[in-house]
N, C-alpha and C. Protein backbone atom coordinates (compact mmCIF):
# COMPACT_ATOMS: atom_id res chain seq x y z
N MET A 1 -11.56 2.88 -48.48
CA MET A 1 -11.36 2.34 -47.16
C MET A 1 -12.62 2.46 -46.48
N THR A 2 -12.93 1.46 -45.76
CA THR A 2 -14.38 1.46 -44.99
C THR A 2 -14.17 2.02 -43.73
N ASP A 3 -15.06 2.62 -43.18
CA ASP A 3 -15.18 3.28 -41.85
C ASP A 3 -16.01 2.30 -41.00
N TYR A 4 -15.49 1.76 -39.91
CA TYR A 4 -16.00 0.81 -39.11
C TYR A 4 -16.53 1.27 -37.86
N ALA A 5 -16.94 2.74 -37.83
CA ALA A 5 -17.43 3.43 -36.49
C ALA A 5 -18.57 2.84 -36.11
N PHE A 6 -18.93 2.91 -34.77
CA PHE A 6 -20.13 2.45 -34.17
C PHE A 6 -21.47 3.48 -34.86
N ALA A 7 -22.45 2.59 -35.18
CA ALA A 7 -23.72 3.24 -35.57
C ALA A 7 -24.33 3.88 -34.33
N GLY A 8 -24.71 5.19 -34.29
CA GLY A 8 -25.33 5.74 -33.23
C GLY A 8 -24.38 6.10 -32.09
N THR A 9 -24.75 5.98 -30.79
CA THR A 9 -24.02 6.26 -29.60
C THR A 9 -23.18 4.97 -29.40
N GLN A 10 -21.95 5.16 -28.75
CA GLN A 10 -21.29 4.05 -28.49
C GLN A 10 -21.73 3.48 -27.25
N PRO A 11 -21.42 2.02 -27.00
CA PRO A 11 -21.82 1.27 -25.78
C PRO A 11 -21.28 1.84 -24.55
N SER A 12 -21.88 1.72 -23.54
CA SER A 12 -21.32 2.12 -22.30
C SER A 12 -20.15 1.02 -21.79
N PRO A 13 -19.13 1.51 -21.04
CA PRO A 13 -18.02 0.67 -20.71
C PRO A 13 -18.27 -0.18 -19.70
N THR A 14 -19.63 -0.41 -19.16
CA THR A 14 -19.85 -1.19 -17.90
C THR A 14 -20.11 -2.68 -18.27
N PHE A 15 -20.33 -3.54 -17.44
CA PHE A 15 -20.59 -4.78 -17.64
C PHE A 15 -22.22 -5.07 -17.86
N SER A 16 -23.10 -3.94 -17.86
CA SER A 16 -24.34 -4.13 -17.85
C SER A 16 -24.85 -4.31 -19.18
N GLY A 17 -24.29 -3.83 -20.36
CA GLY A 17 -24.71 -3.78 -21.73
C GLY A 17 -23.89 -4.55 -22.53
N LEU A 18 -24.58 -5.52 -23.41
CA LEU A 18 -23.96 -6.29 -24.40
C LEU A 18 -24.04 -5.73 -25.80
N VAL A 19 -23.10 -5.61 -26.48
CA VAL A 19 -23.32 -5.10 -27.93
C VAL A 19 -22.49 -5.87 -28.87
N THR A 20 -22.80 -5.79 -30.20
CA THR A 20 -22.14 -6.32 -31.07
C THR A 20 -21.18 -5.48 -31.72
N GLU A 21 -20.42 -5.71 -32.67
CA GLU A 21 -19.43 -4.68 -33.22
C GLU A 21 -19.98 -3.58 -33.86
N SER A 22 -21.42 -3.66 -34.39
CA SER A 22 -22.09 -2.51 -35.06
C SER A 22 -22.74 -1.53 -33.71
N GLY A 23 -22.45 -1.92 -32.58
CA GLY A 23 -23.25 -1.19 -31.49
C GLY A 23 -24.48 -1.57 -31.23
N VAL A 24 -25.16 -2.60 -31.73
CA VAL A 24 -26.56 -2.98 -31.44
C VAL A 24 -26.55 -3.90 -30.37
N ALA A 25 -27.47 -3.79 -29.50
CA ALA A 25 -27.47 -4.62 -28.27
C ALA A 25 -27.91 -6.21 -28.80
N THR A 26 -27.34 -7.05 -28.19
CA THR A 26 -27.44 -8.56 -28.49
C THR A 26 -28.73 -8.99 -27.74
N THR A 27 -29.29 -9.97 -28.31
CA THR A 27 -30.37 -10.77 -27.70
C THR A 27 -29.91 -12.27 -27.28
N GLY A 28 -30.64 -12.75 -26.32
CA GLY A 28 -30.32 -14.07 -25.95
C GLY A 28 -28.88 -14.35 -25.10
N THR A 29 -28.57 -13.14 -24.74
CA THR A 29 -27.25 -13.32 -23.88
C THR A 29 -27.47 -12.88 -22.42
N SER A 30 -26.62 -13.46 -21.35
CA SER A 30 -26.78 -12.90 -20.19
C SER A 30 -25.53 -12.51 -19.53
N VAL A 31 -25.53 -11.78 -18.42
CA VAL A 31 -24.34 -11.57 -17.81
C VAL A 31 -24.37 -11.66 -16.34
N SER A 32 -23.53 -12.27 -15.76
CA SER A 32 -23.48 -12.53 -14.27
C SER A 32 -22.18 -12.16 -13.74
N THR A 33 -22.11 -11.86 -12.48
CA THR A 33 -20.86 -11.44 -11.76
C THR A 33 -20.60 -12.47 -10.65
N LEU A 34 -19.21 -12.44 -10.31
CA LEU A 34 -18.64 -12.98 -9.04
C LEU A 34 -17.41 -12.35 -8.79
N THR A 35 -17.06 -12.74 -7.52
CA THR A 35 -15.56 -12.17 -7.28
C THR A 35 -14.75 -13.55 -6.96
N PRO A 36 -13.88 -13.68 -7.95
CA PRO A 36 -13.03 -14.90 -7.81
C PRO A 36 -12.19 -14.99 -6.56
N VAL A 37 -11.87 -16.10 -5.92
CA VAL A 37 -11.06 -16.21 -4.75
C VAL A 37 -9.67 -16.54 -5.27
N SER A 38 -8.62 -15.80 -4.92
CA SER A 38 -7.30 -16.24 -5.41
C SER A 38 -6.87 -17.64 -5.16
N GLY A 39 -6.59 -18.29 -6.23
CA GLY A 39 -6.16 -19.57 -6.13
C GLY A 39 -7.18 -20.82 -6.28
N THR A 40 -8.28 -20.25 -6.28
CA THR A 40 -9.68 -21.36 -6.46
C THR A 40 -10.18 -21.33 -7.70
N ALA A 41 -10.34 -22.62 -8.11
CA ALA A 41 -10.93 -22.77 -9.42
C ALA A 41 -12.40 -22.25 -9.34
N PHE A 42 -13.11 -21.77 -10.50
CA PHE A 42 -14.39 -21.59 -10.72
C PHE A 42 -14.78 -21.89 -12.14
N THR A 43 -15.99 -22.32 -12.32
CA THR A 43 -16.48 -22.56 -13.49
C THR A 43 -17.51 -21.46 -13.97
N PRO A 44 -17.13 -20.64 -15.10
CA PRO A 44 -18.02 -19.54 -15.76
C PRO A 44 -19.39 -20.14 -16.13
N SER A 45 -19.57 -21.28 -16.79
CA SER A 45 -20.90 -21.71 -17.05
C SER A 45 -20.70 -23.14 -17.33
N ALA A 46 -21.70 -23.79 -16.89
CA ALA A 46 -21.92 -25.33 -17.00
C ALA A 46 -22.45 -25.65 -18.49
N THR A 47 -22.97 -24.74 -19.10
CA THR A 47 -23.95 -25.05 -20.23
C THR A 47 -23.54 -24.57 -21.55
N ASN A 48 -22.76 -23.27 -21.40
CA ASN A 48 -22.45 -22.37 -22.54
C ASN A 48 -20.89 -21.92 -22.60
N ASP A 49 -20.44 -21.88 -23.62
CA ASP A 49 -19.12 -21.05 -23.66
C ASP A 49 -19.30 -19.53 -23.07
N ALA A 50 -18.31 -19.13 -22.50
CA ALA A 50 -18.48 -17.82 -21.73
C ALA A 50 -17.17 -16.79 -22.16
N LEU A 51 -17.66 -15.54 -22.01
CA LEU A 51 -16.38 -14.62 -22.02
C LEU A 51 -16.57 -14.08 -20.63
N VAL A 52 -15.22 -14.14 -19.98
CA VAL A 52 -14.98 -13.76 -18.65
C VAL A 52 -14.23 -12.44 -18.74
N TYR A 53 -14.40 -11.55 -17.93
CA TYR A 53 -13.79 -10.28 -17.67
C TYR A 53 -13.51 -10.35 -16.22
N MET A 54 -12.11 -10.27 -16.00
CA MET A 54 -11.74 -10.16 -14.77
C MET A 54 -11.09 -8.86 -14.24
N GLN A 55 -11.33 -8.19 -13.36
CA GLN A 55 -10.63 -7.03 -12.91
C GLN A 55 -9.57 -7.22 -11.82
N ILE A 56 -8.39 -6.57 -12.10
CA ILE A 56 -7.19 -6.77 -11.15
C ILE A 56 -6.73 -5.32 -10.75
N ASN A 57 -6.48 -5.03 -9.69
CA ASN A 57 -6.07 -3.84 -9.19
C ASN A 57 -4.84 -3.99 -8.25
N ALA A 58 -3.85 -2.98 -8.49
CA ALA A 58 -2.45 -3.13 -7.93
C ALA A 58 -2.24 -1.80 -7.14
N ALA A 59 -2.60 -1.97 -5.77
CA ALA A 59 -2.35 -0.74 -4.86
C ALA A 59 -0.82 -0.92 -4.52
N VAL A 60 -0.26 -2.15 -4.52
CA VAL A 60 1.17 -2.08 -4.58
C VAL A 60 1.67 -3.13 -5.65
N ALA A 61 3.05 -3.04 -5.77
CA ALA A 61 3.44 -3.94 -6.90
C ALA A 61 3.10 -5.24 -6.56
N GLY A 62 2.85 -6.15 -7.61
CA GLY A 62 2.48 -7.54 -7.44
C GLY A 62 2.46 -8.15 -8.89
N SER A 63 1.78 -9.37 -8.86
CA SER A 63 1.66 -10.01 -10.07
C SER A 63 0.39 -10.99 -10.00
N TYR A 64 0.06 -11.34 -11.10
CA TYR A 64 -1.16 -12.64 -11.04
C TYR A 64 -0.78 -13.56 -12.09
N THR A 65 -1.23 -14.87 -11.99
CA THR A 65 -1.12 -15.83 -12.82
C THR A 65 -2.65 -16.39 -13.08
N LEU A 66 -2.94 -16.60 -14.49
CA LEU A 66 -4.17 -17.12 -14.93
C LEU A 66 -4.03 -18.33 -15.73
N THR A 67 -4.78 -19.43 -15.25
CA THR A 67 -4.82 -20.72 -16.00
C THR A 67 -6.42 -21.02 -16.24
N PHE A 68 -6.48 -21.98 -17.04
CA PHE A 68 -7.82 -22.51 -17.15
C PHE A 68 -7.62 -24.02 -17.97
N GLY A 69 -8.78 -24.82 -17.68
CA GLY A 69 -8.91 -26.11 -18.42
C GLY A 69 -9.99 -26.82 -18.14
N PRO A 70 -10.07 -28.07 -18.72
CA PRO A 70 -11.36 -28.84 -18.53
C PRO A 70 -11.44 -29.52 -17.21
N SER A 71 -10.39 -29.73 -16.44
CA SER A 71 -10.50 -30.55 -15.27
C SER A 71 -10.28 -29.92 -13.97
N THR A 72 -8.96 -29.40 -14.00
CA THR A 72 -8.72 -28.72 -12.70
C THR A 72 -8.52 -27.22 -12.87
N GLY A 73 -8.49 -26.71 -13.85
CA GLY A 73 -8.33 -25.21 -14.32
C GLY A 73 -6.88 -24.87 -14.42
N ALA A 74 -5.92 -25.85 -14.29
CA ALA A 74 -4.60 -25.58 -14.36
C ALA A 74 -3.82 -26.11 -15.50
N GLU A 75 -4.58 -26.66 -16.41
CA GLU A 75 -4.05 -27.32 -17.65
C GLU A 75 -3.46 -26.34 -18.71
N TYR A 76 -3.89 -25.14 -18.95
CA TYR A 76 -3.31 -24.31 -19.84
C TYR A 76 -3.11 -22.80 -19.08
N THR A 77 -1.90 -22.27 -19.33
CA THR A 77 -1.40 -21.09 -18.82
C THR A 77 -1.67 -19.94 -19.53
N VAL A 78 -2.32 -18.99 -19.14
CA VAL A 78 -2.52 -17.79 -20.24
C VAL A 78 -1.47 -16.71 -19.83
N GLY A 79 -1.21 -16.71 -18.39
CA GLY A 79 -0.08 -15.76 -18.13
C GLY A 79 0.34 -16.19 -16.73
N SER A 80 1.77 -16.20 -16.56
CA SER A 80 2.47 -16.48 -15.44
C SER A 80 3.11 -15.49 -14.77
N ALA A 81 2.89 -15.30 -13.54
CA ALA A 81 3.52 -14.20 -12.64
C ALA A 81 3.62 -12.87 -13.50
N VAL A 82 2.43 -12.41 -14.15
CA VAL A 82 2.28 -11.24 -14.95
C VAL A 82 2.34 -10.10 -13.94
N ALA A 83 3.40 -9.20 -14.17
CA ALA A 83 3.76 -8.08 -13.26
C ALA A 83 2.79 -7.03 -13.37
N MET A 84 2.47 -6.33 -12.36
CA MET A 84 1.82 -5.13 -12.21
C MET A 84 2.35 -4.10 -11.33
N VAL A 85 2.50 -2.84 -11.74
CA VAL A 85 2.97 -1.80 -11.16
C VAL A 85 2.18 -1.09 -10.09
N VAL A 86 2.49 -0.57 -9.14
CA VAL A 86 1.91 0.28 -8.10
C VAL A 86 0.84 1.17 -8.88
N GLY A 87 -0.52 1.16 -8.45
CA GLY A 87 -1.58 1.97 -8.85
C GLY A 87 -2.05 1.47 -10.13
N SER A 88 -1.59 0.31 -11.01
CA SER A 88 -2.30 0.04 -12.07
C SER A 88 -3.50 -0.87 -11.86
N ASP A 89 -4.32 -0.88 -12.97
CA ASP A 89 -5.38 -1.73 -13.08
C ASP A 89 -5.46 -2.51 -14.41
N ALA A 90 -5.89 -3.63 -14.37
CA ALA A 90 -6.23 -4.58 -15.59
C ALA A 90 -7.39 -5.09 -15.74
N VAL A 91 -7.96 -5.23 -16.97
CA VAL A 91 -9.35 -6.11 -17.28
C VAL A 91 -8.67 -7.16 -18.06
N VAL A 92 -8.58 -8.40 -17.57
CA VAL A 92 -8.43 -9.61 -18.32
C VAL A 92 -9.52 -10.27 -18.97
N THR A 93 -9.53 -10.44 -20.33
CA THR A 93 -10.62 -11.18 -20.89
C THR A 93 -10.28 -12.48 -21.57
N LEU A 94 -11.13 -13.39 -21.17
CA LEU A 94 -10.72 -14.76 -21.36
C LEU A 94 -11.98 -15.64 -21.88
N ARG A 95 -11.92 -16.33 -23.13
CA ARG A 95 -13.10 -17.01 -23.70
C ARG A 95 -12.84 -18.51 -23.08
N VAL A 96 -13.91 -19.11 -22.24
CA VAL A 96 -13.94 -20.09 -21.71
C VAL A 96 -14.83 -21.22 -22.36
N PRO A 97 -14.51 -22.41 -22.61
CA PRO A 97 -15.48 -23.37 -23.08
C PRO A 97 -16.42 -23.71 -21.99
N ALA A 98 -17.65 -24.12 -22.44
CA ALA A 98 -18.57 -24.64 -21.32
C ALA A 98 -17.92 -25.80 -20.47
N THR A 99 -18.28 -25.66 -18.96
CA THR A 99 -17.77 -26.64 -18.10
C THR A 99 -16.26 -26.66 -17.82
N TRP A 100 -15.48 -25.85 -18.24
CA TRP A 100 -14.21 -25.47 -18.23
C TRP A 100 -14.03 -24.61 -16.76
N LYS A 101 -12.82 -24.88 -16.01
CA LYS A 101 -12.59 -24.02 -14.86
C LYS A 101 -11.46 -23.02 -15.20
N VAL A 102 -11.56 -21.90 -14.40
CA VAL A 102 -10.56 -20.88 -14.48
C VAL A 102 -9.87 -20.68 -13.09
N VAL A 103 -8.49 -20.39 -12.89
CA VAL A 103 -7.94 -20.18 -11.72
C VAL A 103 -7.14 -18.79 -11.86
N LEU A 104 -7.46 -17.67 -11.14
CA LEU A 104 -6.64 -16.65 -10.85
C LEU A 104 -6.14 -16.47 -9.84
N THR A 105 -4.63 -16.62 -9.52
CA THR A 105 -3.93 -16.52 -8.53
C THR A 105 -3.47 -15.04 -8.24
N ALA A 106 -3.40 -14.48 -7.32
CA ALA A 106 -3.07 -13.14 -7.14
C ALA A 106 -1.87 -12.87 -6.01
N THR A 107 -0.84 -12.27 -6.34
CA THR A 107 0.37 -12.06 -5.41
C THR A 107 0.33 -10.55 -5.38
N SER A 108 -0.11 -10.03 -4.02
CA SER A 108 0.03 -8.60 -3.50
C SER A 108 -0.79 -7.75 -4.53
N VAL A 109 -1.84 -8.24 -5.20
CA VAL A 109 -2.83 -7.43 -6.01
C VAL A 109 -4.15 -8.08 -5.67
N THR A 110 -5.12 -7.25 -6.02
CA THR A 110 -6.50 -7.30 -5.58
C THR A 110 -7.32 -7.74 -6.75
N ILE A 111 -8.14 -8.95 -6.60
CA ILE A 111 -9.01 -9.32 -7.66
C ILE A 111 -10.38 -8.78 -7.39
N GLY A 112 -10.77 -7.93 -8.42
CA GLY A 112 -12.03 -7.40 -8.31
C GLY A 112 -13.30 -8.03 -8.70
N VAL A 113 -14.28 -7.71 -9.10
CA VAL A 113 -15.41 -8.43 -9.63
C VAL A 113 -15.24 -8.88 -11.04
N ALA A 114 -15.52 -10.15 -11.26
CA ALA A 114 -15.48 -10.71 -12.68
C ALA A 114 -16.98 -10.76 -13.19
N ALA A 115 -16.99 -10.44 -14.56
CA ALA A 115 -18.27 -10.41 -15.28
C ALA A 115 -18.19 -11.60 -16.20
N ILE A 116 -19.28 -12.32 -16.23
CA ILE A 116 -19.20 -13.52 -17.15
C ILE A 116 -20.28 -13.40 -18.10
N GLN A 117 -20.01 -13.37 -19.47
CA GLN A 117 -21.10 -13.09 -20.50
C GLN A 117 -21.41 -14.57 -21.28
N THR A 118 -22.53 -15.02 -21.31
CA THR A 118 -22.84 -16.31 -21.90
C THR A 118 -23.91 -15.98 -23.07
N ALA A 119 -23.92 -16.91 -24.02
CA ALA A 119 -25.04 -16.72 -25.01
C ALA A 119 -26.14 -17.64 -24.62
């Protein structure tokens, strides 16, 4: 059986470092951040596919809906009315093709900073 442990020290769990599965930093990638507005479409990247990491916090019970698509951002539903309990946090990860839009709609939960990783 093969052991797939990270070589050296494990990467930091922050958005500042990008690593491969072997734990080695990648080159030619960039990370930007934004704070999505509930119910408003945003385009992670106009030129490259992107990985989007969205932070959601629930100080009170609530839910969120996540959609994305090539035109309005509502063509494909990833999660609809996903329930969150009091005091919970979630980081939702979504791969988004270049030029596509994302819509995160929050109901009684807080949308935090989103990190966008592009190659």
